Protein backbone atom coordinates (compact mmCIF):
# COMPACT_ATOMS: atom_id res chain seq x y z
CA MET A 1 60.64 105.49 55.16
CA PRO A 2 57.95 107.65 53.47
CA LYS A 3 56.12 105.97 50.54
CA ASP A 4 57.15 107.31 47.05
CA LYS A 5 54.04 106.89 44.85
CA ASN A 6 55.76 108.65 41.93
CA ASP A 7 56.74 105.98 39.50
CA ALA A 8 58.64 108.46 37.11
CA LEU A 9 62.43 108.31 37.62
CA THR A 10 64.23 111.45 38.17
CA ASP A 11 67.44 112.26 36.04
CA ALA A 12 69.60 111.46 39.13
CA GLN A 13 67.77 108.15 39.59
CA ARG A 14 68.20 107.25 35.92
CA ALA A 15 71.92 107.96 36.17
CA ALA A 16 72.30 105.78 39.37
CA GLN A 17 70.31 103.09 37.73
CA LYS A 18 72.65 102.85 34.81
CA ASN A 19 75.41 102.11 37.37
CA ALA A 20 73.33 99.60 39.12
CA ASP A 21 72.55 97.85 35.81
CA VAL A 22 76.42 97.26 35.53
CA SER A 23 76.33 95.28 38.76
CA VAL A 24 73.09 93.34 37.83
CA LYS A 25 74.59 92.38 34.41
CA GLU A 26 77.79 91.45 35.91
CA VAL A 27 76.21 89.06 38.48
CA GLU A 28 73.90 87.50 35.90
CA GLN A 29 76.64 86.98 33.26
CA LYS A 30 79.10 85.30 35.70
CA ALA A 31 78.61 81.56 35.97
CA PRO A 32 77.94 80.41 39.46
CA SER A 33 80.89 78.72 41.23
CA TRP A 34 80.36 75.16 42.32
CA GLY A 35 80.88 74.93 46.11
CA LYS A 36 79.51 73.67 49.45
CA PHE A 37 76.93 75.80 51.19
CA PRO A 38 78.13 76.48 54.82
CA GLY A 39 74.77 75.32 56.40
CA PRO A 40 72.34 72.47 56.33
CA ARG A 41 70.94 71.12 53.13
CA GLY A 42 67.39 71.23 51.96
CA VAL A 43 66.63 74.55 53.26
CA ASP A 44 63.34 76.06 51.99
CA VAL A 45 64.09 79.78 51.47
CA PRO A 46 63.91 81.86 48.22
CA LEU A 47 67.55 82.38 48.21
CA ARG A 48 70.17 81.01 50.64
CA ALA A 49 72.62 83.71 51.87
CA ALA A 50 75.73 83.21 53.92
CA PHE A 51 77.91 85.78 55.52
CA SER A 52 81.46 85.68 56.56
CA LYS A 53 82.00 86.92 60.18
CA ASP A 54 83.94 90.07 58.93
CA ALA A 55 81.22 91.05 56.38
CA TYR A 56 78.32 90.71 58.94
CA ALA A 57 80.40 92.51 61.63
CA ALA A 58 81.08 95.30 59.19
CA VAL A 59 77.31 95.85 58.49
CA VAL A 60 76.33 95.82 62.18
CA ALA A 61 79.16 98.21 63.02
CA HIS A 62 78.17 100.60 60.20
CA ALA A 63 74.53 100.60 61.25
CA LYS A 64 75.54 101.33 64.93
CA GLU A 65 77.52 104.41 63.91
CA SER A 66 74.50 106.26 63.06
CA LEU A 67 71.42 106.04 65.40
CA ASP A 68 69.58 109.02 64.06
CA LYS A 69 70.02 108.63 60.32
CA GLU A 70 69.88 105.78 57.99
CA ILE A 71 73.05 104.31 56.57
CA CYS A 72 73.52 102.22 53.36
CA GLY A 73 75.99 100.18 51.41
CA VAL A 74 76.31 97.15 49.12
CA LEU A 75 77.30 93.57 49.82
CA ALA A 76 80.13 92.05 47.83
CA GLY A 77 80.58 88.30 47.36
CA LYS A 78 80.16 85.33 45.12
CA VAL A 79 77.30 83.53 43.48
CA CYS A 80 77.72 79.81 44.03
CA GLU A 81 75.71 76.63 43.42
CA ASP A 82 75.39 73.11 44.82
CA GLU A 83 72.98 70.24 44.54
CA ASP A 84 70.21 72.39 46.02
CA GLY A 85 70.61 75.33 43.73
CA PRO A 86 72.17 78.66 43.85
CA PHE A 87 73.34 80.66 46.92
CA ILE A 88 75.36 83.73 47.64
CA LEU A 89 78.52 84.08 49.97
CA VAL A 90 78.82 87.56 51.20
CA GLU A 91 82.49 88.39 52.02
CA ALA A 92 82.69 92.09 52.37
CA ALA A 93 80.47 95.13 53.01
CA ILE A 94 81.21 98.31 51.13
CA ARG A 95 79.78 101.61 52.58
CA GLY A 96 77.72 104.09 50.61
CA THR A 97 79.76 107.03 51.88
CA ALA A 98 78.29 109.53 49.35
CA ALA A 99 74.65 108.59 49.85
CA LYS A 100 71.98 111.15 50.68
CA GLN A 101 70.98 110.34 54.33
CA ALA A 102 67.93 111.48 56.32
CA ASN A 103 65.99 110.23 59.42
CA THR A 104 63.79 107.90 57.47
CA HIS A 105 65.26 107.37 54.05
CA VAL A 106 68.60 106.95 52.14
CA THR A 107 69.31 107.32 48.49
CA PHE A 108 71.94 105.78 46.33
CA THR A 109 73.34 108.68 44.17
CA GLN A 110 75.55 108.86 41.19
CA GLU A 111 78.57 109.80 43.46
CA THR A 112 77.64 106.77 45.67
CA TRP A 113 77.84 104.27 42.79
CA ASN A 114 81.20 105.80 41.53
CA THR A 115 82.79 105.30 45.02
CA ILE A 116 81.40 101.78 45.23
CA HIS A 117 82.69 100.68 41.83
CA LYS A 118 86.07 102.25 42.62
CA THR A 119 86.26 100.47 45.77
CA MET A 120 85.20 97.16 44.16
CA ASP A 121 88.02 97.55 41.52
CA GLN A 122 90.62 98.30 43.96
CA ASP A 123 89.95 96.06 46.92
CA TYR A 124 87.62 93.35 45.66
CA PRO A 125 88.28 92.80 41.98
CA LYS A 126 87.26 89.03 42.15
CA LEU A 127 83.85 89.86 43.85
CA SER A 128 80.58 90.89 42.55
CA ILE A 129 77.77 92.91 44.06
CA VAL A 130 75.28 90.48 45.50
CA GLY A 131 72.97 92.85 47.33
CA TRP A 132 72.64 95.96 49.43
CA TYR A 133 71.97 96.82 53.12
CA HIS A 134 70.65 99.85 55.09
CA SER A 135 69.46 100.64 58.44
CA HIS A 136 66.10 101.61 60.15
CA PRO A 137 67.30 103.06 63.49
CA GLY A 138 64.59 102.41 65.96
CA PHE A 139 61.53 101.89 63.68
CA GLY A 140 61.57 98.30 62.76
CA VAL A 141 62.84 96.30 59.83
CA GLU A 142 59.92 96.13 57.44
CA PHE A 143 60.68 97.24 53.86
CA SER A 144 59.03 100.52 52.78
CA GLU A 145 57.74 101.33 49.39
CA MET A 146 61.00 103.21 48.65
CA ASP A 147 63.08 100.23 49.81
CA LEU A 148 61.16 97.91 47.43
CA PHE A 149 61.62 100.62 44.66
CA ILE A 150 65.32 100.44 45.24
CA GLN A 151 65.35 96.65 45.21
CA LYS A 152 63.24 96.44 41.97
CA ASN A 153 65.28 99.04 40.08
CA PHE A 154 68.87 98.64 41.33
CA PHE A 155 69.16 95.05 42.66
CA ARG A 156 66.67 93.13 40.61
CA SER A 157 68.90 90.04 40.08
CA PRO A 158 67.50 86.82 41.60
CA THR A 159 70.87 86.51 43.34
CA GLN A 160 70.92 90.00 44.79
CA ILE A 161 69.44 90.44 48.26
CA GLY A 162 68.05 93.56 50.14
CA MET A 163 68.93 93.74 53.84
CA VAL A 164 67.58 96.13 56.49
CA THR A 165 68.81 96.08 60.23
CA ASP A 166 67.55 97.93 63.24
CA PRO A 167 70.78 98.98 65.34
CA LEU A 168 68.52 99.60 68.30
CA GLY A 169 66.35 96.52 68.27
CA GLY A 170 68.93 94.21 66.66
CA ASP A 171 66.41 92.71 64.12
CA VAL A 172 67.28 91.86 60.46
CA ALA A 173 64.96 91.41 57.47
CA MET A 174 66.04 90.34 53.82
CA ILE A 175 64.26 90.34 50.58
CA VAL A 176 65.06 88.95 47.05
CA GLU A 177 63.56 89.46 43.63
CA THR A 178 61.89 86.06 42.43
CA PRO A 179 59.76 85.21 39.41
CA LYS A 180 56.72 85.64 41.84
CA GLY A 181 57.84 89.08 42.81
CA ILE A 182 59.78 90.31 45.95
CA GLU A 183 59.80 87.64 48.70
CA TYR A 184 61.13 87.85 52.17
CA ILE A 185 64.03 85.53 53.19
CA GLN A 186 63.25 83.81 56.54
CA LYS A 187 66.78 82.90 57.53
CA PHE A 188 70.42 83.39 56.76
CA TRP A 189 73.75 82.16 57.93
CA VAL A 190 76.90 83.74 59.48
CA ASP A 191 80.01 81.67 59.60
CA GLY A 192 77.96 78.53 59.31
CA ARG A 193 75.46 79.53 62.10
CA GLU A 194 71.73 80.10 61.34
CA HIS A 195 70.15 83.45 62.07
CA ARG A 196 66.45 84.31 61.76
CA CYS A 197 65.10 87.13 59.85
CA LYS A 198 62.09 89.29 60.65
CA VAL A 199 59.00 88.98 58.30
CA PRO A 200 55.86 91.25 57.98
CA ALA A 201 53.90 91.15 61.21
CA ARG A 202 51.13 88.44 61.51
CA GLU A 203 48.17 87.99 63.79
CA MET A 204 49.25 88.12 67.37
CA ALA A 205 47.86 86.52 70.47
CA SER A 206 44.03 86.54 70.88
CA SER A 207 41.59 85.67 73.67
CA SER A 208 38.70 83.18 73.61
CA GLY A 209 35.15 84.06 74.59
CA ASP A 210 35.45 83.11 78.26
CA GLY A 211 38.77 85.20 78.65
CA ALA A 212 41.15 82.27 78.48
CA ALA A 213 44.37 83.13 76.37
CA THR A 214 44.80 80.96 73.22
CA LEU A 215 47.68 80.74 70.83
CA SER A 216 47.38 82.54 67.51
CA THR A 217 48.51 81.32 64.20
CA GLY A 218 51.51 83.62 64.43
CA ALA A 219 52.49 82.33 67.77
CA ILE A 220 52.35 78.78 66.64
CA GLU A 221 54.37 79.72 63.59
CA LYS A 222 56.99 81.33 65.84
CA ARG A 223 57.31 78.25 67.89
CA ILE A 224 57.63 76.22 64.82
CA GLU A 225 60.26 78.42 63.46
CA ALA A 226 62.26 78.22 66.69
CA LEU A 227 62.10 74.45 66.64
CA GLU A 228 63.24 74.55 63.04
CA THR A 229 66.11 76.68 63.95
CA ARG A 230 67.07 74.36 66.77
CA MET A 231 66.91 71.35 64.52
CA GLY A 232 68.92 73.05 61.76
CA GLN A 233 71.59 73.90 64.38
CA LEU A 234 71.67 70.29 65.67
CA ILE A 235 71.94 68.87 62.12
CA GLN A 236 74.72 71.42 61.21
CA ALA A 237 76.62 70.38 64.49
CA SER A 238 76.16 66.72 63.55
CA ASP A 239 77.57 67.33 60.08
CA ASP A 240 80.47 69.17 61.52
CA MET A 241 81.31 66.34 63.82
CA ARG A 242 80.94 63.75 61.11
CA ALA A 243 83.17 65.81 58.86
CA SER A 244 85.86 66.27 61.63
CA PHE A 245 85.72 62.50 62.46
CA TYR A 246 86.33 61.71 58.74
CA ARG A 247 89.20 64.08 58.58
CA ILE A 248 90.83 62.49 61.67
CA ILE A 249 90.48 59.02 60.24
CA LEU A 250 91.82 60.30 56.82
CA SER A 251 94.79 61.92 58.59
CA VAL A 252 95.61 58.86 60.68
CA ALA A 253 95.46 56.69 57.58
CA MET A 254 97.70 59.03 55.55
CA VAL A 255 100.21 59.06 58.53
CA ILE A 256 100.29 55.32 58.64
CA GLY A 257 100.57 55.01 54.85
CA ALA A 258 103.39 57.56 54.86
CA LEU A 259 105.30 55.51 57.58
CA ILE A 260 104.83 52.25 55.62
CA VAL A 261 106.20 53.89 52.55
CA ILE A 262 109.19 55.31 54.42
CA TRP A 263 109.87 51.92 55.93
CA ILE A 264 109.69 50.12 52.52
CA GLY A 265 111.90 52.79 51.01
CA TRP A 266 114.51 52.63 53.81
CA SER A 267 114.59 48.77 53.44
CA ILE A 268 115.14 49.02 49.79
CA LEU A 269 117.77 51.65 50.19
CA SER A 270 119.53 49.56 52.87
CA SER A 271 119.51 46.48 50.84
CA TRP A 272 121.18 48.39 48.02
CA LEU A 273 123.77 50.35 50.09
CA TYR A 274 124.73 47.38 52.23
CA ARG A 275 124.22 44.60 49.82
CA HIS A 276 126.12 41.28 50.57
CA GLU A 277 129.60 41.11 48.88
CA PRO A 278 132.25 38.37 48.88
CA PRO A 279 135.16 38.85 51.13
CA PHE A 280 138.03 40.89 49.67
CA PRO A 281 141.86 40.62 50.42
CA VAL A 282 143.08 43.22 52.88
CA ASP A 283 146.62 42.00 53.85
CA THR A 284 148.99 38.97 53.82
CA LEU A 285 150.76 38.01 57.15
CA LYS A 286 153.95 35.83 57.28
CA MET A 287 153.99 34.05 60.67
CA PRO A 288 157.07 31.84 61.79
CA VAL A 289 156.19 28.45 63.15
CA GLN A 290 158.73 26.06 65.00
CA ILE A 291 158.63 22.57 63.61
CA GLY A 292 161.19 20.39 65.62
CA ASP A 293 164.58 22.04 65.16
CA LYS A 294 163.56 24.04 62.17
CA VAL A 295 161.53 27.11 61.57
CA GLY A 296 158.94 27.41 59.01
CA TYR A 297 156.58 30.13 57.94
CA LEU A 298 152.78 30.11 57.90
CA ILE A 299 151.25 32.38 55.30
CA VAL A 300 148.09 33.99 56.64
CA GLU A 301 145.79 35.99 54.08
CA VAL A 302 143.59 38.68 55.85
CA LYS A 303 140.00 39.08 54.25
CA GLY A 304 137.57 41.89 54.61
CA TRP A 305 133.79 41.59 54.50
CA GLN A 306 131.27 44.47 54.63
CA LEU A 307 128.36 43.46 56.54
CA PRO A 308 124.88 45.33 56.65
CA PRO A 309 124.34 47.31 59.76
CA GLU A 310 121.69 44.84 61.06
CA LEU A 311 124.09 41.90 60.74
CA GLN A 312 126.84 43.95 62.38
CA ASN A 313 124.70 44.71 65.26
CA GLU A 314 123.66 40.95 65.54
CA TRP A 315 127.36 39.88 65.40
CA PHE A 316 128.40 42.39 68.08
CA GLU A 317 125.54 41.33 70.39
CA ARG A 318 126.54 37.62 69.97
CA GLU A 319 130.14 38.30 70.64
CA LEU A 320 129.34 40.34 73.68
CA ARG A 321 127.13 37.47 75.15
CA LYS A 322 129.89 34.99 74.40
CA ARG A 323 132.49 37.05 76.20
CA VAL A 324 130.22 37.65 79.21
CA GLU A 325 129.57 33.88 79.46
CA GLU A 326 133.36 33.24 79.20
CA ALA A 327 134.08 35.81 82.03
CA GLN A 328 131.44 34.27 84.21
CA ARG A 329 132.87 30.77 83.71
CA LEU A 330 136.35 31.95 84.43
CA GLN A 331 135.14 33.65 87.51
CA ALA A 332 133.37 30.58 88.68
CA GLY A 333 136.54 28.46 88.11
CA THR A 334 138.93 30.62 90.05
CA GLN A 335 136.58 31.32 93.05
CA PRO A 336 137.83 29.34 96.03
CA SER A 337 135.62 26.68 97.65
CA THR A 338 133.79 27.47 100.78
CA GLN A 339 133.12 23.89 101.65
CA PRO A 340 135.23 22.31 104.55
CA ALA A 341 137.83 19.68 103.64
CA LYS A 342 136.96 16.21 104.65
């Protein structure tokens, strides 16, 4: 982007800035939501930024649609907080469809902001504007003076980021306004996975006096950053495994507890439904009995008794065993002997 050395705002820029002030005030007035950052703890960056897969894919797809001119849009999401401080969760990307586009610059117009706020109200009423994005097709991701001007005047909240991506090179850079001024963000997260950001170019490889190649400070820092990235990924994987292990243990414990409660409840219900009751009269039978040359009558009273299912099963099993044993004894008694007579 060409450098804009004119500090005076035009009427169009003032009108657009009023719309941007609305989003800045909205972010600053909302209290951060308490939540867990989807990444490792103790990260030393000016502002932690986490993207959903859909939001980051939308930014990349928008940038790749135009390889000749810059595109722009805003990032919608939530401002959250945990033990390490504030962070942002980017959940959607809204295109700046009415922006003025050129080969090396893009401008947020009044119409752009009207479209953005309309989309926010209709599709994302619970989200806030947490930053903006644009593309540098084929010429790197270092922020120009005009980019810094937009960040300072339109997205100056300490929880609003600026993002630039090169659809040809695949690099990404991010900045944020801090009490020390605008600072570059070294890393961000997409669906819990760490991604590295480009920072301004540093000293590259140099040669020693005898022609032997040596590592520059920039090369060493790159290796250290790669090592930090790998360590962060390992820590994140370890945290995910530990969380999964705890969830499995908790699920098993809940299932066991539920089974115990069901068993206790069924025992109580069974003891109440099939409680032991005394025998109750069912019928009276009059049976004739021959006593010498006379006939007498024996009165038999039939009683009923409701047994619990478990006792009934035990009684039936005992009776079945008894009858099987009797049948075996009868069979053994009636079986002819195979021994020869003496």
